[in-house]
Amino acid sequence: MYMKKQTEEKPEHIGLAKPEEITEMKTKNPRGVFQITVSNERTGNVHYGYFKKPGRQQMDFASSEAAKGGKFSVDRFNSSLANNCWIGGDEAMRTDEDLFMSASTQFGELAKVYQAEIKEL
């Protein structure tokens, strides 16, 4: 019986930054740099996007964009964060619907802040 030899193709790593590029990103963005990785189950490829930690300006802009039209839109909020915090990587992370929706599940981690408490004195 003849069986065709199956070869597994290695996944392509799209947008993966080199160590020296990551060092430069961190130097330019001392508040934090994040890598979001999305594995495309259809193609087997792995996509990388790099984002800076948002500041008050980016969060304010994302909130105002999300509130346009009188109803808050999580998609507009995420799109604004993606565009205003983007540093580099695979552009498809911002333009491809499936990659964007997958990446956007991690955007909450971009804005993670320290634990704070208040105490009346």
N, C-alpha and C. Protein backbone atom coordinates (compact mmCIF):
# COMPACT_ATOMS: atom_id res chain seq x y z
N MET A 1 0.85 -1.17 0.00
CA MET A 1 0.00 0.00 0.00
C MET A 1 0.90 1.24 0.00
N TYR A 2 0.63 2.14 -0.91
CA TYR A 2 1.41 3.36 -1.03
C TYR A 2 0.81 4.45 -0.16
N MET A 3 1.63 5.05 0.69
CA MET A 3 1.16 6.15 1.53
C MET A 3 2.01 7.37 1.24
N LYS A 4 1.35 8.47 1.04
CA LYS A 4 2.04 9.71 0.78
C LYS A 4 2.68 10.20 2.08
N LYS A 5 3.94 10.55 2.00
CA LYS A 5 4.64 11.05 3.18
C LYS A 5 4.10 12.44 3.53
N GLN A 6 3.66 12.58 4.75
CA GLN A 6 3.14 13.87 5.18
C GLN A 6 4.27 14.71 5.76
N THR A 7 4.34 15.92 5.27
CA THR A 7 5.35 16.83 5.81
C THR A 7 4.62 17.96 6.52
N GLU A 8 5.07 18.22 7.69
CA GLU A 8 4.47 19.32 8.44
C GLU A 8 5.24 20.59 8.13
N GLU A 9 4.50 21.59 7.66
CA GLU A 9 5.13 22.87 7.40
C GLU A 9 5.28 23.61 8.71
N LYS A 10 6.42 24.25 8.84
CA LYS A 10 6.63 25.05 10.04
C LYS A 10 5.80 26.31 9.92
N PRO A 11 5.22 26.74 11.04
CA PRO A 11 4.42 27.97 10.98
C PRO A 11 5.30 29.18 10.68
N GLU A 12 4.73 30.10 9.95
CA GLU A 12 5.44 31.35 9.67
C GLU A 12 5.19 32.30 10.83
N HIS A 13 6.23 32.96 11.29
CA HIS A 13 6.12 33.93 12.38
C HIS A 13 6.12 35.32 11.75
N ILE A 14 4.93 35.90 11.67
CA ILE A 14 4.75 37.16 10.95
C ILE A 14 4.78 38.33 11.92
N GLY A 15 5.70 39.26 11.68
CA GLY A 15 5.79 40.46 12.51
C GLY A 15 6.65 40.30 13.75
N LEU A 16 7.31 39.17 13.91
CA LEU A 16 8.13 38.93 15.09
C LEU A 16 9.33 39.88 15.10
N ALA A 17 9.46 40.64 16.17
CA ALA A 17 10.55 41.61 16.29
C ALA A 17 11.83 40.92 16.74
N LYS A 18 12.93 41.47 16.29
CA LYS A 18 14.25 40.99 16.71
C LYS A 18 14.55 41.55 18.09
N PRO A 19 15.42 40.90 18.86
CA PRO A 19 15.74 41.38 20.20
C PRO A 19 16.18 42.85 20.24
N GLU A 20 16.98 43.28 19.27
CA GLU A 20 17.42 44.68 19.25
C GLU A 20 16.26 45.65 18.96
N GLU A 21 15.26 45.19 18.20
CA GLU A 21 14.08 46.02 17.95
C GLU A 21 13.25 46.16 19.22
N ILE A 22 13.15 45.08 19.98
CA ILE A 22 12.40 45.12 21.24
C ILE A 22 13.11 46.04 22.24
N THR A 23 14.43 45.99 22.27
CA THR A 23 15.19 46.88 23.14
C THR A 23 14.92 48.34 22.77
N GLU A 24 14.88 48.64 21.49
CA GLU A 24 14.59 50.00 21.04
C GLU A 24 13.17 50.42 21.41
N MET A 25 12.21 49.50 21.26
CA MET A 25 10.82 49.78 21.64
C MET A 25 10.74 50.13 23.12
N LYS A 26 11.44 49.36 23.95
CA LYS A 26 11.41 49.59 25.40
C LYS A 26 12.07 50.92 25.76
N THR A 27 13.12 51.28 25.04
CA THR A 27 13.80 52.55 25.29
C THR A 27 12.87 53.72 24.96
N LYS A 28 12.15 53.60 23.87
CA LYS A 28 11.24 54.68 23.43
C LYS A 28 9.94 54.71 24.23
N ASN A 29 9.61 53.61 24.87
CA ASN A 29 8.35 53.50 25.62
C ASN A 29 8.62 52.92 27.00
N PRO A 30 9.21 53.72 27.89
CA PRO A 30 9.63 53.21 29.20
C PRO A 30 8.49 52.77 30.12
N ARG A 31 7.25 53.18 29.83
CA ARG A 31 6.13 52.77 30.68
C ARG A 31 5.72 51.33 30.44
N GLY A 32 6.15 50.77 29.32
CA GLY A 32 5.85 49.36 29.06
C GLY A 32 5.60 49.06 27.60
N VAL A 33 6.05 47.90 27.18
CA VAL A 33 5.83 47.39 25.83
C VAL A 33 5.26 45.99 25.96
N PHE A 34 4.24 45.70 25.17
CA PHE A 34 3.57 44.41 25.24
C PHE A 34 3.57 43.75 23.87
N GLN A 35 3.77 42.45 23.87
CA GLN A 35 3.68 41.65 22.65
C GLN A 35 2.39 40.85 22.73
N ILE A 36 1.55 40.99 21.71
CA ILE A 36 0.35 40.16 21.62
C ILE A 36 0.57 39.19 20.47
N THR A 37 0.36 37.92 20.76
CA THR A 37 0.57 36.85 19.79
C THR A 37 -0.77 36.19 19.47
N VAL A 38 -1.03 36.02 18.18
CA VAL A 38 -2.25 35.34 17.74
C VAL A 38 -1.85 34.19 16.83
N SER A 39 -2.29 32.99 17.18
CA SER A 39 -2.04 31.82 16.35
C SER A 39 -3.25 31.62 15.43
N ASN A 40 -2.99 31.65 14.14
CA ASN A 40 -4.05 31.47 13.15
C ASN A 40 -4.24 29.97 12.93
N GLU A 41 -5.32 29.43 13.43
CA GLU A 41 -5.56 28.00 13.34
C GLU A 41 -5.78 27.53 11.91
N ARG A 42 -6.26 28.43 11.06
CA ARG A 42 -6.53 28.07 9.66
C ARG A 42 -5.24 27.90 8.88
N THR A 43 -4.29 28.83 9.05
CA THR A 43 -3.05 28.80 8.27
C THR A 43 -1.89 28.18 9.04
N GLY A 44 -2.00 28.14 10.36
CA GLY A 44 -0.90 27.65 11.18
C GLY A 44 0.14 28.72 11.48
N ASN A 45 -0.03 29.91 10.92
CA ASN A 45 0.92 31.00 11.13
C ASN A 45 0.71 31.66 12.48
N VAL A 46 1.76 32.29 12.98
CA VAL A 46 1.70 33.02 14.23
C VAL A 46 1.96 34.49 13.92
N HIS A 47 1.08 35.36 14.41
CA HIS A 47 1.16 36.80 14.14
C HIS A 47 1.52 37.53 15.42
N TYR A 48 2.38 38.54 15.30
CA TYR A 48 2.86 39.30 16.46
C TYR A 48 2.54 40.77 16.27
N GLY A 49 2.07 41.39 17.35
CA GLY A 49 1.86 42.83 17.37
C GLY A 49 2.47 43.40 18.64
N TYR A 50 2.99 44.61 18.55
CA TYR A 50 3.65 45.25 19.69
C TYR A 50 2.92 46.55 20.02
N PHE A 51 2.62 46.71 21.29
CA PHE A 51 1.83 47.84 21.76
C PHE A 51 2.50 48.48 22.97
N LYS A 52 2.38 49.81 23.06
CA LYS A 52 2.88 50.50 24.25
C LYS A 52 1.75 50.58 25.26
N LYS A 53 2.13 50.73 26.51
CA LYS A 53 1.15 50.91 27.58
C LYS A 53 0.46 52.25 27.36
N PRO A 54 -0.86 52.27 27.34
CA PRO A 54 -1.56 53.55 27.11
C PRO A 54 -1.45 54.47 28.32
N GLY A 55 -1.37 55.74 28.04
CA GLY A 55 -1.40 56.76 29.08
C GLY A 55 -2.80 57.35 29.17
N ARG A 56 -2.94 58.39 29.97
CA ARG A 56 -4.25 59.03 30.13
C ARG A 56 -4.78 59.56 28.81
N GLN A 57 -3.88 60.11 27.99
CA GLN A 57 -4.31 60.68 26.71
C GLN A 57 -4.91 59.60 25.81
N GLN A 58 -4.26 58.45 25.70
CA GLN A 58 -4.78 57.38 24.86
C GLN A 58 -6.09 56.81 25.42
N MET A 59 -6.15 56.68 26.75
CA MET A 59 -7.37 56.15 27.36
C MET A 59 -8.54 57.12 27.20
N ASP A 60 -8.26 58.42 27.36
CA ASP A 60 -9.31 59.43 27.18
C ASP A 60 -9.81 59.43 25.75
N PHE A 61 -8.89 59.38 24.80
CA PHE A 61 -9.28 59.38 23.39
C PHE A 61 -10.08 58.13 23.05
N ALA A 62 -9.63 56.97 23.53
CA ALA A 62 -10.35 55.71 23.27
C ALA A 62 -11.75 55.77 23.86
N SER A 63 -11.88 56.34 25.06
CA SER A 63 -13.20 56.45 25.69
C SER A 63 -14.12 57.38 24.92
N SER A 64 -13.57 58.51 24.45
CA SER A 64 -14.41 59.44 23.68
C SER A 64 -14.79 58.86 22.33
N GLU A 65 -13.88 58.13 21.70
CA GLU A 65 -14.20 57.46 20.43
C GLU A 65 -15.29 56.41 20.65
N ALA A 66 -15.18 55.67 21.74
CA ALA A 66 -16.14 54.60 22.03
C ALA A 66 -17.53 55.14 22.32
N ALA A 67 -17.61 56.38 22.84
CA ALA A 67 -18.90 56.96 23.22
C ALA A 67 -19.58 57.71 22.08
N LYS A 68 -18.95 57.81 20.94
CA LYS A 68 -19.56 58.52 19.81
C LYS A 68 -20.89 57.88 19.45
N GLY A 69 -21.85 58.73 19.12
CA GLY A 69 -23.17 58.22 18.76
C GLY A 69 -24.05 57.97 19.97
N GLY A 70 -23.56 58.31 21.17
CA GLY A 70 -24.37 58.18 22.37
C GLY A 70 -24.40 56.79 22.99
N LYS A 71 -23.80 55.82 22.34
CA LYS A 71 -23.78 54.46 22.90
C LYS A 71 -22.35 53.96 22.89
N PHE A 72 -21.90 53.45 24.04
CA PHE A 72 -20.52 52.98 24.18
C PHE A 72 -20.30 51.76 23.29
N SER A 73 -19.21 51.77 22.53
CA SER A 73 -18.86 50.66 21.65
C SER A 73 -17.49 50.10 22.04
N VAL A 74 -17.47 48.86 22.48
CA VAL A 74 -16.22 48.20 22.85
C VAL A 74 -15.31 48.10 21.62
N ASP A 75 -15.90 47.86 20.45
CA ASP A 75 -15.10 47.75 19.23
C ASP A 75 -14.39 49.06 18.91
N ARG A 76 -15.09 50.19 19.04
CA ARG A 76 -14.44 51.49 18.79
C ARG A 76 -13.36 51.76 19.83
N PHE A 77 -13.61 51.38 21.08
CA PHE A 77 -12.61 51.54 22.14
C PHE A 77 -11.36 50.74 21.80
N ASN A 78 -11.54 49.47 21.46
CA ASN A 78 -10.41 48.60 21.13
C ASN A 78 -9.68 49.08 19.88
N SER A 79 -10.41 49.52 18.87
CA SER A 79 -9.78 50.03 17.65
C SER A 79 -8.91 51.25 17.95
N SER A 80 -9.43 52.13 18.80
CA SER A 80 -8.67 53.32 19.16
C SER A 80 -7.40 52.94 19.92
N LEU A 81 -7.52 52.02 20.88
CA LEU A 81 -6.33 51.58 21.62
C LEU A 81 -5.32 50.94 20.67
N ALA A 82 -5.82 50.08 19.78
CA ALA A 82 -4.92 49.40 18.84
C ALA A 82 -4.16 50.40 17.99
N ASN A 83 -4.85 51.41 17.50
CA ASN A 83 -4.21 52.39 16.61
C ASN A 83 -3.30 53.35 17.35
N ASN A 84 -3.67 53.74 18.56
CA ASN A 84 -2.89 54.74 19.29
C ASN A 84 -1.78 54.16 20.16
N CYS A 85 -1.80 52.86 20.37
CA CYS A 85 -0.76 52.22 21.17
C CYS A 85 0.14 51.31 20.33
N TRP A 86 -0.15 51.23 19.04
CA TRP A 86 0.60 50.36 18.13
C TRP A 86 2.04 50.83 18.01
N ILE A 87 2.98 49.90 18.13
CA ILE A 87 4.41 50.20 17.94
C ILE A 87 4.92 49.52 16.67
N GLY A 88 4.48 48.28 16.44
CA GLY A 88 4.95 47.56 15.27
C GLY A 88 4.49 46.12 15.27
N GLY A 89 4.97 45.39 14.26
CA GLY A 89 4.59 44.00 14.13
C GLY A 89 3.83 43.79 12.84
N ASP A 90 2.99 42.78 12.81
CA ASP A 90 2.20 42.44 11.63
C ASP A 90 1.00 43.37 11.54
N GLU A 91 0.96 44.19 10.51
CA GLU A 91 -0.12 45.16 10.29
C GLU A 91 -1.48 44.47 10.25
N ALA A 92 -1.51 43.20 9.87
CA ALA A 92 -2.78 42.48 9.81
C ALA A 92 -3.46 42.38 11.17
N MET A 93 -2.68 42.54 12.24
CA MET A 93 -3.27 42.51 13.59
C MET A 93 -4.29 43.65 13.75
N ARG A 94 -4.13 44.72 12.98
CA ARG A 94 -5.06 45.85 13.07
C ARG A 94 -6.09 45.85 11.94
N THR A 95 -5.84 45.11 10.86
CA THR A 95 -6.71 45.20 9.69
C THR A 95 -7.54 43.94 9.44
N ASP A 96 -7.03 42.78 9.80
CA ASP A 96 -7.76 41.53 9.58
C ASP A 96 -8.75 41.32 10.73
N GLU A 97 -10.01 41.13 10.39
CA GLU A 97 -11.07 41.03 11.41
C GLU A 97 -10.79 39.95 12.45
N ASP A 98 -10.43 38.76 12.00
CA ASP A 98 -10.23 37.65 12.94
C ASP A 98 -9.00 37.88 13.83
N LEU A 99 -7.93 38.35 13.23
CA LEU A 99 -6.72 38.62 14.03
C LEU A 99 -6.98 39.75 15.02
N PHE A 100 -7.67 40.81 14.56
CA PHE A 100 -7.96 41.95 15.45
C PHE A 100 -8.84 41.51 16.62
N MET A 101 -9.90 40.76 16.32
CA MET A 101 -10.81 40.33 17.39
C MET A 101 -10.07 39.44 18.39
N SER A 102 -9.18 38.61 17.91
CA SER A 102 -8.40 37.75 18.80
C SER A 102 -7.45 38.58 19.66
N ALA A 103 -6.75 39.51 19.03
CA ALA A 103 -5.80 40.36 19.76
C ALA A 103 -6.53 41.24 20.78
N SER A 104 -7.71 41.73 20.41
CA SER A 104 -8.41 42.67 21.28
C SER A 104 -8.83 42.06 22.61
N THR A 105 -8.86 40.73 22.69
CA THR A 105 -9.20 40.10 23.97
C THR A 105 -8.12 40.35 25.01
N GLN A 106 -6.95 40.79 24.56
CA GLN A 106 -5.83 41.04 25.47
C GLN A 106 -5.64 42.52 25.79
N PHE A 107 -6.41 43.41 25.17
CA PHE A 107 -6.19 44.84 25.33
C PHE A 107 -6.39 45.33 26.76
N GLY A 108 -7.20 44.64 27.53
CA GLY A 108 -7.38 45.02 28.93
C GLY A 108 -6.08 44.96 29.72
N GLU A 109 -5.20 44.06 29.33
CA GLU A 109 -3.90 43.94 30.00
C GLU A 109 -3.00 45.13 29.72
N LEU A 110 -3.22 45.81 28.59
CA LEU A 110 -2.40 46.98 28.25
C LEU A 110 -2.59 48.08 29.29
N ALA A 111 -3.81 48.22 29.78
CA ALA A 111 -4.14 49.32 30.67
C ALA A 111 -4.11 48.91 32.15
N LYS A 112 -3.55 47.77 32.43
CA LYS A 112 -3.50 47.31 33.83
C LYS A 112 -2.71 48.31 34.67
N VAL A 113 -3.25 48.61 35.84
CA VAL A 113 -2.62 49.59 36.72
C VAL A 113 -2.36 48.96 38.08
N TYR A 114 -1.71 49.72 38.94
CA TYR A 114 -1.40 49.25 40.29
C TYR A 114 -2.65 49.19 41.14
N GLN A 115 -2.60 48.37 42.17
CA GLN A 115 -3.67 48.31 43.13
C GLN A 115 -3.63 49.56 44.01
N ALA A 116 -4.76 50.20 44.19
CA ALA A 116 -4.83 51.41 45.03
C ALA A 116 -5.94 51.23 46.06
N GLU A 117 -5.84 51.94 47.14
CA GLU A 117 -6.91 51.92 48.15
C GLU A 117 -7.05 53.30 48.75
N ILE A 118 -8.20 53.55 49.28
CA ILE A 118 -8.49 54.84 49.93
C ILE A 118 -8.90 54.56 51.36
N LYS A 119 -8.51 55.48 52.25
CA LYS A 119 -8.84 55.32 53.65
C LYS A 119 -9.20 56.69 54.18
N GLU A 120 -10.36 56.79 54.82
CA GLU A 120 -10.75 58.04 55.42
C GLU A 120 -10.00 58.23 56.72
N LEU A 121 -9.47 59.41 56.94
CA LEU A 121 -8.70 59.69 58.16
C LEU A 121 -9.45 60.62 59.09
